[in-house]
Amino acid sequence: MSMFDELARPFPESAIRWRVGSTNGDKTQGIALAYVDARDVYDRLDDVVGPGNWQDRYPFEGCCEIGIRINGEWIWKSNGAGKTDIEGDKGQYSDSFKRAGVLWGIARYLYGLPNTWVPIKPRGRSYVLAETPKLPMKFTQAGWDRIDIDIRKKLREDTLEALQNGDADYLITIWDEFTHEEHLQLWPMFDSKERSAIKALKE
């Protein structure tokens, strides 16, 4: 399994946290948004690349950069976040760190979750979920394991070859072998530039 595959691997369901997104007019239901804690991202980086092979830094307010040492060279990816109503500066640092982790594939698969409306209840000045949603199989470790590692590796290699050659027909043929649900699992194998290139070539 490649480093990226290990970073992108789904977290145990027990690690998934939920918060309320958009709500309906009478505040009885809301969209459940899934996320992981920053500690889970720390642990994933430690487990996959080792504590001495990654670091983070904050070049300016609201921006986090995560660097991973690959073949002796530090590669950096960055993202940012605004201050939160609940935790202020602390939440801003945590959110920007997690968003930078997403650029490395960590918890990126959660962005593909369908919008699910669930009952909500008031707590203080805001609302929380009244029940915990169940993750669809394809967003769990068990669902992820249904697609063999070798298949993932070959798809990535074939896709990058198609991009290099500008071969749209080959690219479409490769991806047509998988269902839409499998696409959601396989998409996190590619970084943002690769995904943009895939979309552009398909068009």
N, C-alpha and C. Protein backbone atom coordinates (compact mmCIF):
# COMPACT_ATOMS: atom_id res chain seq x y z
N MET A 1 0.85 -1.19 0.00
CA MET A 1 0.00 0.00 0.00
C MET A 1 0.88 1.24 0.00
N SER A 2 0.58 2.21 -0.85
CA SER A 2 1.37 3.42 -0.93
C SER A 2 1.12 4.31 0.29
N MET A 3 2.02 5.27 0.48
CA MET A 3 1.86 6.20 1.58
C MET A 3 0.53 6.94 1.46
N PHE A 4 0.19 7.37 0.25
CA PHE A 4 -1.05 8.11 0.06
C PHE A 4 -2.26 7.24 0.38
N ASP A 5 -2.24 5.98 -0.03
CA ASP A 5 -3.34 5.08 0.28
C ASP A 5 -3.52 4.94 1.80
N GLU A 6 -2.41 4.85 2.51
CA GLU A 6 -2.49 4.70 3.96
C GLU A 6 -3.01 5.98 4.62
N LEU A 7 -2.58 7.13 4.11
CA LEU A 7 -3.08 8.39 4.66
C LEU A 7 -4.57 8.56 4.39
N ALA A 8 -5.02 8.13 3.21
CA ALA A 8 -6.41 8.34 2.79
C ALA A 8 -7.37 7.29 3.33
N ARG A 9 -6.85 6.26 3.94
CA ARG A 9 -7.70 5.17 4.42
C ARG A 9 -8.76 5.68 5.41
N PRO A 10 -10.00 5.19 5.32
CA PRO A 10 -11.05 5.63 6.25
C PRO A 10 -10.68 5.38 7.71
N PHE A 11 -11.18 6.22 8.57
CA PHE A 11 -10.98 6.06 10.01
C PHE A 11 -12.03 5.10 10.56
N PRO A 12 -11.76 4.50 11.72
CA PRO A 12 -12.80 3.68 12.37
C PRO A 12 -14.05 4.52 12.59
N GLU A 13 -15.19 3.90 12.52
CA GLU A 13 -16.43 4.65 12.69
C GLU A 13 -16.49 5.34 14.05
N SER A 14 -15.83 4.77 15.05
CA SER A 14 -15.83 5.36 16.38
C SER A 14 -15.09 6.70 16.42
N ALA A 15 -14.24 6.96 15.41
CA ALA A 15 -13.47 8.20 15.37
C ALA A 15 -14.23 9.33 14.69
N ILE A 16 -15.32 9.02 14.01
CA ILE A 16 -16.06 10.03 13.27
C ILE A 16 -16.91 10.86 14.21
N ARG A 17 -16.78 12.17 14.10
CA ARG A 17 -17.60 13.11 14.86
C ARG A 17 -18.63 13.74 13.91
N TRP A 18 -19.70 14.27 14.50
CA TRP A 18 -20.76 14.85 13.68
C TRP A 18 -21.15 16.22 14.22
N ARG A 19 -21.50 17.11 13.31
CA ARG A 19 -22.04 18.40 13.70
C ARG A 19 -23.19 18.76 12.76
N VAL A 20 -23.96 19.76 13.13
CA VAL A 20 -25.11 20.19 12.34
C VAL A 20 -24.68 21.21 11.30
N GLY A 21 -25.09 20.97 10.06
CA GLY A 21 -24.85 21.93 8.99
C GLY A 21 -26.09 22.80 8.81
N SER A 22 -26.64 22.83 7.62
CA SER A 22 -27.86 23.59 7.35
C SER A 22 -29.04 22.97 8.10
N THR A 23 -30.01 23.80 8.46
CA THR A 23 -31.20 23.33 9.17
C THR A 23 -32.46 23.71 8.40
N ASN A 24 -33.54 23.03 8.70
CA ASN A 24 -34.81 23.40 8.07
C ASN A 24 -35.42 24.60 8.79
N GLY A 25 -36.55 25.07 8.27
CA GLY A 25 -37.12 26.31 8.79
C GLY A 25 -37.52 26.27 10.24
N ASP A 26 -38.07 25.16 10.67
CA ASP A 26 -38.53 25.09 12.07
C ASP A 26 -37.49 24.48 13.02
N LYS A 27 -36.27 24.32 12.53
CA LYS A 27 -35.15 23.85 13.36
C LYS A 27 -35.42 22.49 14.00
N THR A 28 -36.05 21.61 13.24
CA THR A 28 -36.27 20.25 13.75
C THR A 28 -35.34 19.24 13.09
N GLN A 29 -34.77 19.60 11.95
CA GLN A 29 -33.85 18.71 11.23
C GLN A 29 -32.68 19.51 10.69
N GLY A 30 -31.56 18.83 10.56
CA GLY A 30 -30.37 19.46 10.00
C GLY A 30 -29.56 18.47 9.21
N ILE A 31 -28.67 18.98 8.38
CA ILE A 31 -27.77 18.12 7.62
C ILE A 31 -26.61 17.71 8.53
N ALA A 32 -26.34 16.42 8.60
CA ALA A 32 -25.26 15.89 9.44
C ALA A 32 -23.93 15.98 8.69
N LEU A 33 -22.98 16.68 9.27
CA LEU A 33 -21.66 16.84 8.67
C LEU A 33 -20.64 16.05 9.48
N ALA A 34 -19.88 15.19 8.81
CA ALA A 34 -18.91 14.32 9.49
C ALA A 34 -17.51 14.96 9.48
N TYR A 35 -16.77 14.72 10.54
CA TYR A 35 -15.40 15.22 10.62
C TYR A 35 -14.61 14.37 11.60
N VAL A 36 -13.29 14.55 11.62
CA VAL A 36 -12.44 13.88 12.61
C VAL A 36 -11.72 14.95 13.41
N ASP A 37 -11.26 14.59 14.59
CA ASP A 37 -10.50 15.52 15.44
C ASP A 37 -9.08 15.69 14.90
N ALA A 38 -8.48 16.82 15.26
CA ALA A 38 -7.09 17.06 14.87
C ALA A 38 -6.18 15.98 15.43
N ARG A 39 -6.49 15.46 16.61
CA ARG A 39 -5.66 14.40 17.20
C ARG A 39 -5.62 13.16 16.31
N ASP A 40 -6.75 12.88 15.65
CA ASP A 40 -6.77 11.73 14.75
C ASP A 40 -5.86 11.95 13.55
N VAL A 41 -5.78 13.20 13.09
CA VAL A 41 -4.89 13.52 11.98
C VAL A 41 -3.43 13.40 12.43
N TYR A 42 -3.13 13.88 13.65
CA TYR A 42 -1.77 13.71 14.19
C TYR A 42 -1.39 12.23 14.20
N ASP A 43 -2.29 11.42 14.74
CA ASP A 43 -2.01 9.99 14.88
C ASP A 43 -1.82 9.33 13.51
N ARG A 44 -2.65 9.73 12.54
CA ARG A 44 -2.52 9.13 11.20
C ARG A 44 -1.15 9.46 10.59
N LEU A 45 -0.72 10.69 10.74
CA LEU A 45 0.60 11.07 10.22
C LEU A 45 1.71 10.33 10.95
N ASP A 46 1.61 10.24 12.27
CA ASP A 46 2.62 9.49 13.04
C ASP A 46 2.68 8.04 12.59
N ASP A 47 1.52 7.42 12.43
CA ASP A 47 1.46 6.00 12.10
C ASP A 47 1.97 5.71 10.69
N VAL A 48 1.68 6.60 9.75
CA VAL A 48 2.00 6.32 8.35
C VAL A 48 3.41 6.75 7.97
N VAL A 49 3.80 7.98 8.32
CA VAL A 49 5.12 8.47 7.88
C VAL A 49 6.13 8.54 9.02
N GLY A 50 5.66 8.42 10.27
CA GLY A 50 6.57 8.49 11.41
C GLY A 50 6.66 9.90 11.96
N PRO A 51 6.77 10.04 13.29
CA PRO A 51 6.80 11.37 13.93
C PRO A 51 7.90 12.29 13.41
N GLY A 52 9.03 11.70 12.98
CA GLY A 52 10.14 12.52 12.51
C GLY A 52 10.07 12.90 11.05
N ASN A 53 9.02 12.48 10.36
CA ASN A 53 8.93 12.73 8.92
C ASN A 53 7.77 13.63 8.53
N TRP A 54 7.17 14.30 9.50
CA TRP A 54 6.17 15.30 9.17
C TRP A 54 6.27 16.44 10.17
N GLN A 55 5.82 17.61 9.76
CA GLN A 55 5.78 18.77 10.64
C GLN A 55 4.72 19.73 10.13
N ASP A 56 4.29 20.62 11.02
CA ASP A 56 3.33 21.64 10.60
C ASP A 56 3.83 23.01 11.02
N ARG A 57 3.38 24.03 10.31
CA ARG A 57 3.77 25.40 10.62
C ARG A 57 2.63 26.32 10.18
N TYR A 58 2.61 27.53 10.76
CA TYR A 58 1.52 28.46 10.53
C TYR A 58 2.12 29.80 10.08
N PRO A 59 2.29 29.97 8.77
CA PRO A 59 2.98 31.16 8.26
C PRO A 59 2.24 32.47 8.51
N PHE A 60 0.91 32.41 8.62
CA PHE A 60 0.13 33.58 8.98
C PHE A 60 -1.21 33.11 9.54
N GLU A 61 -1.93 34.01 10.17
CA GLU A 61 -3.17 33.66 10.86
C GLU A 61 -4.15 32.96 9.92
N GLY A 62 -4.64 31.81 10.37
CA GLY A 62 -5.64 31.08 9.61
C GLY A 62 -5.08 30.12 8.59
N CYS A 63 -3.76 30.06 8.44
CA CYS A 63 -3.15 29.17 7.44
C CYS A 63 -2.25 28.14 8.12
N CYS A 64 -2.41 26.88 7.73
CA CYS A 64 -1.54 25.81 8.22
C CYS A 64 -0.87 25.13 7.04
N GLU A 65 0.41 24.83 7.21
CA GLU A 65 1.16 24.05 6.22
C GLU A 65 1.60 22.74 6.86
N ILE A 66 1.37 21.64 6.20
CA ILE A 66 1.85 20.34 6.66
C ILE A 66 2.91 19.86 5.68
N GLY A 67 4.09 19.56 6.21
CA GLY A 67 5.17 19.05 5.38
C GLY A 67 5.45 17.59 5.69
N ILE A 68 5.66 16.81 4.65
CA ILE A 68 6.04 15.41 4.79
C ILE A 68 7.36 15.20 4.06
N ARG A 69 8.28 14.52 4.73
CA ARG A 69 9.58 14.26 4.11
C ARG A 69 9.47 13.03 3.21
N ILE A 70 9.66 13.23 1.92
CA ILE A 70 9.55 12.16 0.93
C ILE A 70 10.88 12.07 0.17
N ASN A 71 11.52 10.92 0.26
CA ASN A 71 12.83 10.72 -0.38
C ASN A 71 13.82 11.82 0.01
N GLY A 72 13.78 12.19 1.29
CA GLY A 72 14.74 13.17 1.81
C GLY A 72 14.37 14.61 1.56
N GLU A 73 13.25 14.87 0.89
CA GLU A 73 12.86 16.24 0.55
C GLU A 73 11.52 16.55 1.23
N TRP A 74 11.42 17.77 1.78
CA TRP A 74 10.18 18.18 2.43
C TRP A 74 9.20 18.71 1.38
N ILE A 75 8.00 18.12 1.36
CA ILE A 75 6.93 18.55 0.47
C ILE A 75 5.84 19.17 1.34
N TRP A 76 5.40 20.38 0.97
CA TRP A 76 4.45 21.10 1.81
C TRP A 76 3.12 21.30 1.09
N LYS A 77 2.04 21.19 1.87
CA LYS A 77 0.71 21.51 1.37
C LYS A 77 0.01 22.34 2.43
N SER A 78 -0.74 23.34 1.99
CA SER A 78 -1.33 24.29 2.95
C SER A 78 -2.81 24.54 2.68
N ASN A 79 -3.51 24.93 3.73
CA ASN A 79 -4.90 25.31 3.64
C ASN A 79 -5.21 26.21 4.83
N GLY A 80 -6.39 26.83 4.81
CA GLY A 80 -6.70 27.78 5.88
C GLY A 80 -8.11 27.65 6.38
N ALA A 81 -8.40 28.37 7.47
CA ALA A 81 -9.73 28.37 8.08
C ALA A 81 -9.91 29.66 8.86
N GLY A 82 -11.16 30.05 9.03
CA GLY A 82 -11.47 31.23 9.83
C GLY A 82 -11.68 30.86 11.28
N LYS A 83 -11.85 31.85 12.13
CA LYS A 83 -12.10 31.61 13.55
C LYS A 83 -13.49 31.00 13.72
N THR A 84 -13.62 30.11 14.69
CA THR A 84 -14.91 29.49 14.96
C THR A 84 -15.63 30.24 16.07
N ASP A 85 -16.96 30.13 16.08
CA ASP A 85 -17.75 30.80 17.12
C ASP A 85 -17.53 30.16 18.49
N ILE A 86 -17.15 28.87 18.49
CA ILE A 86 -17.05 28.15 19.76
C ILE A 86 -15.66 28.24 20.36
N GLU A 87 -14.63 27.98 19.55
CA GLU A 87 -13.29 27.87 20.11
C GLU A 87 -12.35 29.00 19.68
N GLY A 88 -12.82 29.92 18.86
CA GLY A 88 -12.00 31.06 18.48
C GLY A 88 -10.69 30.68 17.83
N ASP A 89 -9.58 31.24 18.38
CA ASP A 89 -8.25 30.99 17.81
C ASP A 89 -7.89 29.51 17.80
N LYS A 90 -8.22 28.82 18.89
CA LYS A 90 -7.89 27.40 18.98
C LYS A 90 -8.58 26.62 17.86
N GLY A 91 -9.86 26.91 17.65
CA GLY A 91 -10.60 26.23 16.59
C GLY A 91 -10.06 26.55 15.22
N GLN A 92 -9.59 27.78 15.03
CA GLN A 92 -9.03 28.18 13.75
C GLN A 92 -7.75 27.39 13.44
N TYR A 93 -6.90 27.24 14.43
CA TYR A 93 -5.67 26.47 14.24
C TYR A 93 -6.01 25.01 13.95
N SER A 94 -6.93 24.46 14.72
CA SER A 94 -7.31 23.06 14.54
C SER A 94 -7.92 22.82 13.17
N ASP A 95 -8.84 23.70 12.76
CA ASP A 95 -9.51 23.52 11.47
C ASP A 95 -8.55 23.68 10.30
N SER A 96 -7.65 24.65 10.39
CA SER A 96 -6.70 24.84 9.29
C SER A 96 -5.75 23.65 9.20
N PHE A 97 -5.39 23.07 10.35
CA PHE A 97 -4.54 21.88 10.35
C PHE A 97 -5.25 20.71 9.68
N LYS A 98 -6.52 20.50 10.05
CA LYS A 98 -7.27 19.39 9.46
C LYS A 98 -7.47 19.60 7.97
N ARG A 99 -7.71 20.84 7.55
CA ARG A 99 -7.90 21.11 6.12
C ARG A 99 -6.61 20.90 5.33
N ALA A 100 -5.49 21.23 5.95
CA ALA A 100 -4.21 20.94 5.29
C ALA A 100 -4.01 19.43 5.18
N GLY A 101 -4.46 18.69 6.22
CA GLY A 101 -4.37 17.24 6.17
C GLY A 101 -5.19 16.65 5.04
N VAL A 102 -6.34 17.28 4.76
CA VAL A 102 -7.19 16.80 3.66
C VAL A 102 -6.43 16.83 2.34
N LEU A 103 -5.57 17.83 2.16
CA LEU A 103 -4.79 17.92 0.92
C LEU A 103 -3.83 16.75 0.78
N TRP A 104 -3.50 16.11 1.90
CA TRP A 104 -2.69 14.89 1.87
C TRP A 104 -3.57 13.65 1.80
N GLY A 105 -4.88 13.83 1.71
CA GLY A 105 -5.79 12.70 1.59
C GLY A 105 -6.44 12.28 2.89
N ILE A 106 -6.03 12.88 4.02
CA ILE A 106 -6.53 12.45 5.33
C ILE A 106 -7.96 12.92 5.53
N ALA A 107 -8.88 11.97 5.65
CA ALA A 107 -10.31 12.23 5.85
C ALA A 107 -10.96 12.91 4.65
N ARG A 108 -10.28 12.93 3.51
CA ARG A 108 -10.86 13.57 2.33
C ARG A 108 -12.13 12.84 1.88
N TYR A 109 -12.18 11.54 2.11
CA TYR A 109 -13.34 10.76 1.67
C TYR A 109 -14.63 11.25 2.29
N LEU A 110 -14.56 11.88 3.47
CA LEU A 110 -15.77 12.36 4.14
C LEU A 110 -16.46 13.47 3.35
N TYR A 111 -15.70 14.16 2.48
CA TYR A 111 -16.29 15.21 1.65
C TYR A 111 -17.27 14.62 0.64
N GLY A 112 -17.16 13.32 0.37
CA GLY A 112 -18.04 12.68 -0.59
C GLY A 112 -19.32 12.15 0.01
N LEU A 113 -19.49 12.30 1.32
CA LEU A 113 -20.70 11.80 1.96
C LEU A 113 -21.94 12.53 1.43
N PRO A 114 -23.02 11.80 1.14
CA PRO A 114 -24.25 12.46 0.70
C PRO A 114 -24.88 13.25 1.84
N ASN A 115 -25.61 14.30 1.50
CA ASN A 115 -26.31 15.09 2.52
C ASN A 115 -27.41 14.24 3.16
N THR A 116 -27.36 14.12 4.47
CA THR A 116 -28.36 13.35 5.21
C THR A 116 -29.03 14.23 6.25
N TRP A 117 -30.35 14.33 6.16
CA TRP A 117 -31.11 15.12 7.13
C TRP A 117 -31.47 14.25 8.33
N VAL A 118 -31.18 14.74 9.51
CA VAL A 118 -31.49 13.99 10.73
C VAL A 118 -32.13 14.93 11.75
N PRO A 119 -32.85 14.38 12.72
CA PRO A 119 -33.44 15.23 13.77
C PRO A 119 -32.36 15.95 14.57
N ILE A 120 -32.65 17.17 14.99
CA ILE A 120 -31.72 17.94 15.81
C ILE A 120 -32.44 18.45 17.06
N LYS A 121 -31.65 18.88 18.03
CA LYS A 121 -32.22 19.41 19.27
C LYS A 121 -31.38 20.59 19.74
N PRO A 122 -31.98 21.54 20.43
CA PRO A 122 -31.22 22.72 20.88
C PRO A 122 -30.24 22.37 22.00
N ARG A 123 -29.12 23.04 21.97
CA ARG A 123 -28.15 22.95 23.07
C ARG A 123 -27.48 24.31 23.18
N GLY A 124 -27.80 25.00 24.25
CA GLY A 124 -27.29 26.36 24.40
C GLY A 124 -27.84 27.26 23.32
N ARG A 125 -26.94 27.94 22.61
CA ARG A 125 -27.36 28.85 21.55
C ARG A 125 -27.37 28.18 20.17
N SER A 126 -27.02 26.92 20.12
CA SER A 126 -26.96 26.24 18.83
C SER A 126 -27.75 24.94 18.87
N TYR A 127 -27.46 24.05 17.95
CA TYR A 127 -28.18 22.78 17.84
C TYR A 127 -27.18 21.64 17.68
N VAL A 128 -27.59 20.46 18.14
CA VAL A 128 -26.78 19.26 17.97
C VAL A 128 -27.68 18.17 17.38
N LEU A 129 -27.05 17.11 16.87
CA LEU A 129 -27.81 16.01 16.30
C LEU A 129 -28.52 15.24 17.41
N ALA A 130 -29.78 14.90 17.18
CA ALA A 130 -30.53 14.12 18.16
C ALA A 130 -30.24 12.63 18.01
N GLU A 131 -29.66 12.24 16.88
CA GLU A 131 -29.27 10.84 16.66
C GLU A 131 -28.06 10.81 15.76
N THR A 132 -27.25 9.76 15.89
CA THR A 132 -26.03 9.64 15.11
C THR A 132 -26.31 8.92 13.79
N PRO A 133 -25.97 9.53 12.67
CA PRO A 133 -26.20 8.86 11.38
C PRO A 133 -25.30 7.64 11.24
N LYS A 134 -25.71 6.72 10.39
CA LYS A 134 -24.90 5.54 10.09
C LYS A 134 -24.16 5.78 8.78
N LEU A 135 -22.87 5.55 8.80
CA LEU A 135 -22.08 5.74 7.59
C LEU A 135 -22.43 4.70 6.54
N PRO A 136 -22.61 5.10 5.27
CA PRO A 136 -22.77 4.11 4.21
C PRO A 136 -21.54 3.21 4.15
N MET A 137 -21.73 1.97 3.75
CA MET A 137 -20.65 0.99 3.74
C MET A 137 -19.41 1.49 3.00
N LYS A 138 -19.62 2.17 1.88
CA LYS A 138 -18.48 2.58 1.06
C LYS A 138 -17.59 3.62 1.75
N PHE A 139 -18.08 4.20 2.87
CA PHE A 139 -17.29 5.19 3.60
C PHE A 139 -16.69 4.60 4.88
N THR A 140 -16.68 3.29 4.99
CA THR A 140 -16.11 2.62 6.16
C THR A 140 -14.85 1.86 5.77
N GLN A 141 -14.09 1.42 6.77
CA GLN A 141 -12.90 0.62 6.48
C GLN A 141 -13.26 -0.67 5.76
N ALA A 142 -14.36 -1.29 6.15
CA ALA A 142 -14.77 -2.55 5.51
C ALA A 142 -15.11 -2.32 4.04
N GLY A 143 -15.82 -1.22 3.77
CA GLY A 143 -16.18 -0.92 2.39
C GLY A 143 -14.96 -0.59 1.55
N TRP A 144 -14.02 0.12 2.15
CA TRP A 144 -12.78 0.48 1.46
C TRP A 144 -12.00 -0.76 1.06
N ASP A 145 -11.99 -1.75 1.94
CA ASP A 145 -11.21 -2.96 1.69
C ASP A 145 -11.81 -3.83 0.59
N ARG A 146 -13.03 -3.53 0.16
CA ARG A 146 -13.64 -4.33 -0.90
C ARG A 146 -12.92 -4.17 -2.23
N ILE A 147 -12.27 -3.02 -2.41
CA ILE A 147 -11.50 -2.81 -3.63
C ILE A 147 -10.05 -3.14 -3.33
N ASP A 148 -9.56 -4.15 -3.98
CA ASP A 148 -8.22 -4.67 -3.72
C ASP A 148 -7.15 -3.58 -3.90
N ILE A 149 -6.12 -3.65 -3.08
CA ILE A 149 -5.04 -2.67 -3.13
C ILE A 149 -4.37 -2.66 -4.49
N ASP A 150 -4.16 -3.83 -5.07
CA ASP A 150 -3.52 -3.90 -6.38
C ASP A 150 -4.36 -3.23 -7.45
N ILE A 151 -5.69 -3.33 -7.32
CA ILE A 151 -6.58 -2.67 -8.27
C ILE A 151 -6.45 -1.16 -8.16
N ARG A 152 -6.38 -0.68 -6.92
CA ARG A 152 -6.19 0.75 -6.70
C ARG A 152 -4.88 1.23 -7.33
N LYS A 153 -3.83 0.47 -7.10
CA LYS A 153 -2.52 0.85 -7.61
C LYS A 153 -2.53 0.91 -9.13
N LYS A 154 -3.13 -0.11 -9.77
CA LYS A 154 -3.16 -0.14 -11.23
C LYS A 154 -4.01 1.00 -11.79
N LEU A 155 -5.14 1.28 -11.14
CA LEU A 155 -5.98 2.38 -11.60
C LEU A 155 -5.21 3.69 -11.56
N ARG A 156 -4.49 3.92 -10.47
CA ARG A 156 -3.73 5.16 -10.36
C ARG A 156 -2.66 5.23 -11.45
N GLU A 157 -1.92 4.14 -11.65
CA GLU A 157 -0.87 4.13 -12.66
C GLU A 157 -1.44 4.36 -14.05
N ASP A 158 -2.55 3.67 -14.37
CA ASP A 158 -3.16 3.81 -15.70
C ASP A 158 -3.72 5.21 -15.90
N THR A 159 -4.29 5.78 -14.85
CA THR A 159 -4.86 7.13 -14.94
C THR A 159 -3.76 8.16 -15.19
N LEU A 160 -2.67 8.06 -14.46
CA LEU A 160 -1.56 9.01 -14.65
C LEU A 160 -0.94 8.85 -16.04
N GLU A 161 -0.92 7.61 -16.54
CA GLU A 161 -0.42 7.39 -17.90
C GLU A 161 -1.33 8.07 -18.93
N ALA A 162 -2.65 7.94 -18.73
CA ALA A 162 -3.61 8.57 -19.64
C ALA A 162 -3.47 10.09 -19.59
N LEU A 163 -3.25 10.65 -18.41
CA LEU A 163 -3.07 12.10 -18.28
C LEU A 163 -1.81 12.55 -18.99
N GLN A 164 -0.74 11.79 -18.81
CA GLN A 164 0.54 12.15 -19.43
C GLN A 164 0.42 12.14 -20.96
N ASN A 165 -0.34 11.19 -21.48
CA ASN A 165 -0.48 11.05 -22.94
C ASN A 165 -1.65 11.85 -23.50
N GLY A 166 -2.43 12.46 -22.61
CA GLY A 166 -3.60 13.21 -23.06
C GLY A 166 -4.63 12.33 -23.74
N ASP A 167 -4.74 11.10 -23.29
CA ASP A 167 -5.61 10.10 -23.92
C ASP A 167 -6.94 10.02 -23.17
N ALA A 168 -7.93 10.81 -23.63
CA ALA A 168 -9.23 10.86 -22.96
C ALA A 168 -9.98 9.54 -23.10
N ASP A 169 -9.91 8.91 -24.27
CA ASP A 169 -10.63 7.65 -24.48
C ASP A 169 -10.14 6.57 -23.52
N TYR A 170 -8.83 6.48 -23.36
CA TYR A 170 -8.25 5.50 -22.44
C TYR A 170 -8.68 5.79 -21.01
N LEU A 171 -8.67 7.08 -20.65
CA LEU A 171 -9.06 7.48 -19.30
C LEU A 171 -10.51 7.08 -19.01
N ILE A 172 -11.39 7.36 -19.94
CA ILE A 172 -12.81 7.02 -19.77
C ILE A 172 -13.00 5.52 -19.67
N THR A 173 -12.28 4.77 -20.50
CA THR A 173 -12.37 3.31 -20.48
C THR A 173 -11.95 2.75 -19.12
N ILE A 174 -10.88 3.31 -18.56
CA ILE A 174 -10.39 2.87 -17.25
C ILE A 174 -11.46 3.04 -16.18
N TRP A 175 -12.03 4.24 -16.13
CA TRP A 175 -12.96 4.57 -15.06
C TRP A 175 -14.33 3.94 -15.26
N ASP A 176 -14.68 3.61 -16.50
CA ASP A 176 -15.98 2.98 -16.76
C ASP A 176 -16.07 1.57 -16.17
N GLU A 177 -14.94 1.02 -15.76
CA GLU A 177 -14.95 -0.31 -15.16
C GLU A 177 -15.47 -0.30 -13.72
N PHE A 178 -15.61 0.90 -13.16
CA PHE A 178 -16.02 1.03 -11.76
C PHE A 178 -17.37 1.72 -11.66
N THR A 179 -18.10 1.39 -10.60
CA THR A 179 -19.40 2.02 -10.37
C THR A 179 -19.21 3.41 -9.78
N HIS A 180 -20.30 4.17 -9.74
CA HIS A 180 -20.24 5.51 -9.16
C HIS A 180 -19.83 5.44 -7.70
N GLU A 181 -20.34 4.45 -6.97
CA GLU A 181 -19.99 4.31 -5.55
C GLU A 181 -18.51 4.02 -5.40
N GLU A 182 -17.96 3.21 -6.30
CA GLU A 182 -16.53 2.92 -6.23
C GLU A 182 -15.71 4.15 -6.60
N HIS A 183 -16.23 4.99 -7.50
CA HIS A 183 -15.53 6.23 -7.84
C HIS A 183 -15.31 7.07 -6.59
N LEU A 184 -16.32 7.12 -5.71
CA LEU A 184 -16.22 7.92 -4.49
C LEU A 184 -15.09 7.41 -3.59
N GLN A 185 -14.86 6.11 -3.62
CA GLN A 185 -13.79 5.54 -2.81
C GLN A 185 -12.43 5.77 -3.44
N LEU A 186 -12.39 5.74 -4.77
CA LEU A 186 -11.11 5.81 -5.48
C LEU A 186 -10.63 7.24 -5.68
N TRP A 187 -11.55 8.19 -5.71
CA TRP A 187 -11.20 9.58 -5.99
C TRP A 187 -10.15 10.15 -5.04
N PRO A 188 -10.18 9.83 -3.72
CA PRO A 188 -9.18 10.39 -2.81
C PRO A 188 -7.75 9.93 -3.08
N MET A 189 -7.55 8.97 -3.98
CA MET A 189 -6.17 8.55 -4.30
C MET A 189 -5.41 9.65 -5.04
N PHE A 190 -6.13 10.62 -5.58
CA PHE A 190 -5.52 11.64 -6.41
C PHE A 190 -5.54 12.99 -5.71
N ASP A 191 -4.48 13.77 -5.90
CA ASP A 191 -4.45 15.08 -5.27
C ASP A 191 -5.27 16.06 -6.11
N SER A 192 -5.37 17.31 -5.63
CA SER A 192 -6.25 18.28 -6.26
C SER A 192 -5.86 18.57 -7.72
N LYS A 193 -4.56 18.65 -8.00
CA LYS A 193 -4.10 18.92 -9.37
C LYS A 193 -4.44 17.74 -10.28
N GLU A 194 -4.26 16.54 -9.78
CA GLU A 194 -4.57 15.35 -10.58
C GLU A 194 -6.07 15.25 -10.85
N ARG A 195 -6.87 15.56 -9.84
CA ARG A 195 -8.33 15.50 -10.03
C ARG A 195 -8.78 16.52 -11.06
N SER A 196 -8.20 17.72 -10.99
CA SER A 196 -8.54 18.76 -11.98
C SER A 196 -8.15 18.31 -13.38
N ALA A 197 -6.99 17.68 -13.50
CA ALA A 197 -6.53 17.21 -14.81
C ALA A 197 -7.44 16.10 -15.34
N ILE A 198 -7.89 15.21 -14.44
CA ILE A 198 -8.79 14.14 -14.84
C ILE A 198 -10.10 14.71 -15.37
N LYS A 199 -10.67 15.67 -14.63
CA LYS A 199 -11.93 16.28 -15.06
C LYS A 199 -11.77 17.00 -16.40
N ALA A 200 -10.65 17.73 -16.56
CA ALA A 200 -10.42 18.46 -17.80
C ALA A 200 -10.27 17.52 -18.99
N LEU A 201 -9.57 16.42 -18.79
CA LEU A 201 -9.35 15.48 -19.90
C LEU A 201 -10.65 14.77 -20.27
N LYS A 202 -11.47 14.46 -19.28
CA LYS A 202 -12.74 13.80 -19.56
C LYS A 202 -13.67 14.68 -20.37
N GLU A 203 -13.55 15.99 -20.13
CA GLU A 203 -14.43 16.93 -20.84
C GLU A 203 -13.97 17.15 -22.28
